N, C-alpha and C. Protein backbone atom coordinates (compact mmCIF):
# COMPACT_ATOMS: atom_id res chain seq x y z
N UNK A 1 64.65 38.51 193.26
CA UNK A 1 63.87 39.27 194.20
C UNK A 1 63.20 38.37 195.23
N UNK A 2 62.77 37.17 194.83
CA UNK A 2 62.13 36.28 195.79
C UNK A 2 63.09 35.93 196.91
N UNK A 3 64.36 35.77 196.58
CA UNK A 3 65.36 35.48 197.59
C UNK A 3 65.48 36.62 198.60
N UNK A 4 65.50 37.82 198.08
CA UNK A 4 65.64 39.01 198.93
C UNK A 4 64.45 39.14 199.88
N UNK A 5 63.25 38.99 199.35
CA UNK A 5 62.05 39.21 200.16
C UNK A 5 61.68 38.01 201.02
N UNK A 6 61.64 36.82 200.43
CA UNK A 6 61.14 35.67 201.17
C UNK A 6 62.21 34.95 201.98
N UNK A 7 63.37 34.74 201.41
CA UNK A 7 64.39 33.98 202.13
C UNK A 7 65.16 34.83 203.13
N UNK A 8 65.43 36.05 202.79
CA UNK A 8 66.19 36.92 203.68
C UNK A 8 65.30 37.81 204.54
N UNK A 9 63.99 37.84 204.22
CA UNK A 9 63.06 38.63 205.01
C UNK A 9 63.25 40.13 204.88
N UNK A 10 63.83 40.57 203.76
CA UNK A 10 64.07 42.00 203.55
C UNK A 10 62.81 42.66 203.01
N UNK A 11 62.57 43.85 203.47
CA UNK A 11 61.41 44.61 203.02
C UNK A 11 61.70 45.40 201.76
N UNK A 12 60.66 45.97 201.22
CA UNK A 12 60.78 46.82 200.04
C UNK A 12 60.51 48.25 200.46
N UNK A 13 61.43 49.12 200.18
CA UNK A 13 61.29 50.52 200.59
C UNK A 13 60.76 51.35 199.43
N UNK A 14 59.70 52.07 199.69
CA UNK A 14 59.17 53.02 198.72
C UNK A 14 58.85 54.31 199.45
N UNK A 15 58.81 55.38 198.69
CA UNK A 15 58.50 56.67 199.31
C UNK A 15 57.04 57.07 199.10
N UNK A 16 56.27 56.23 198.44
CA UNK A 16 54.86 56.53 198.21
C UNK A 16 54.60 57.51 197.09
N UNK A 17 55.68 58.01 196.47
CA UNK A 17 55.53 58.98 195.38
C UNK A 17 56.05 58.42 194.06
N UNK A 18 57.12 57.66 194.15
CA UNK A 18 57.71 57.09 192.95
C UNK A 18 57.58 55.57 192.98
N UNK A 19 58.01 54.95 191.95
CA UNK A 19 57.96 53.51 191.78
C UNK A 19 56.55 53.07 191.45
N UNK A 20 55.85 52.41 192.33
CA UNK A 20 54.49 51.91 192.11
C UNK A 20 54.36 51.14 190.81
N UNK A 21 55.42 50.43 190.42
CA UNK A 21 55.43 49.59 189.22
C UNK A 21 55.29 50.39 187.92
N UNK A 22 55.49 51.70 187.99
CA UNK A 22 55.37 52.51 186.78
C UNK A 22 56.44 52.16 185.75
N UNK A 23 57.56 51.65 186.20
CA UNK A 23 58.63 51.30 185.28
C UNK A 23 58.57 49.86 184.82
N UNK A 24 57.58 49.11 185.26
CA UNK A 24 57.48 47.69 184.91
C UNK A 24 56.98 47.50 183.48
N UNK A 25 57.58 46.53 182.82
CA UNK A 25 57.11 46.15 181.49
C UNK A 25 56.25 44.92 181.67
N UNK A 26 54.98 45.04 181.41
CA UNK A 26 54.04 43.94 181.63
C UNK A 26 53.74 43.16 180.37
N UNK A 27 54.32 43.56 179.25
CA UNK A 27 54.11 42.85 178.01
C UNK A 27 53.16 43.59 177.08
N UNK A 28 52.93 43.02 175.92
CA UNK A 28 52.07 43.68 174.94
C UNK A 28 50.60 43.64 175.35
N UNK A 29 49.84 44.52 174.76
CA UNK A 29 48.41 44.59 175.01
C UNK A 29 47.68 43.88 173.88
N UNK A 30 46.68 43.07 174.22
CA UNK A 30 45.89 42.37 173.23
C UNK A 30 44.43 42.75 173.39
N UNK A 31 43.74 42.94 172.27
CA UNK A 31 42.32 43.26 172.31
C UNK A 31 41.52 42.00 172.63
N UNK A 32 40.29 42.18 173.10
CA UNK A 32 39.41 41.04 173.36
C UNK A 32 39.20 40.23 172.09
N UNK A 33 39.11 40.90 170.95
CA UNK A 33 38.93 40.21 169.67
C UNK A 33 40.10 39.27 169.38
N UNK A 34 41.32 39.75 169.57
CA UNK A 34 42.52 38.93 169.32
C UNK A 34 42.58 37.73 170.26
N UNK A 35 42.23 37.96 171.52
CA UNK A 35 42.25 36.88 172.50
C UNK A 35 41.21 35.82 172.14
N UNK A 36 40.00 36.27 171.81
CA UNK A 36 38.94 35.34 171.44
C UNK A 36 39.31 34.56 170.18
N UNK A 37 39.90 35.22 169.21
CA UNK A 37 40.33 34.55 167.98
C UNK A 37 41.38 33.49 168.28
N UNK A 38 42.32 33.80 169.16
CA UNK A 38 43.35 32.82 169.54
C UNK A 38 42.72 31.62 170.23
N UNK A 39 41.83 31.88 171.17
CA UNK A 39 41.16 30.78 171.88
C UNK A 39 40.39 29.89 170.91
N UNK A 40 39.62 30.51 170.02
CA UNK A 40 38.84 29.73 169.07
C UNK A 40 39.73 28.91 168.14
N UNK A 41 40.80 29.50 167.68
CA UNK A 41 41.72 28.81 166.77
C UNK A 41 42.37 27.61 167.45
N UNK A 42 42.64 27.73 168.74
CA UNK A 42 43.36 26.67 169.47
C UNK A 42 42.46 25.78 170.32
N UNK A 43 41.15 25.93 170.15
CA UNK A 43 40.21 25.07 170.86
C UNK A 43 40.18 25.25 172.35
N UNK A 44 40.46 26.45 172.81
CA UNK A 44 40.47 26.74 174.24
C UNK A 44 39.05 27.00 174.71
N UNK A 45 38.64 26.34 175.80
CA UNK A 45 37.34 26.60 176.40
C UNK A 45 37.46 27.79 177.33
N UNK A 46 36.52 28.71 177.23
CA UNK A 46 36.59 29.93 178.04
C UNK A 46 35.20 30.45 178.34
N UNK A 47 35.11 31.29 179.33
CA UNK A 47 33.89 32.01 179.68
C UNK A 47 34.16 33.49 179.59
N UNK A 48 33.19 34.22 179.12
CA UNK A 48 33.34 35.68 179.07
C UNK A 48 32.56 36.31 180.18
């Protein structure tokens, strides 16, 4: 897609009613508790 948009300068056509990333898979959902537990276990410094 980067080639299509950036290198070839092609636009993205949408009709404003469909698409809108509704079909995108963004990955699993993690709770704040799970994220904090992972950070603590792996010594990650973070701010909440």
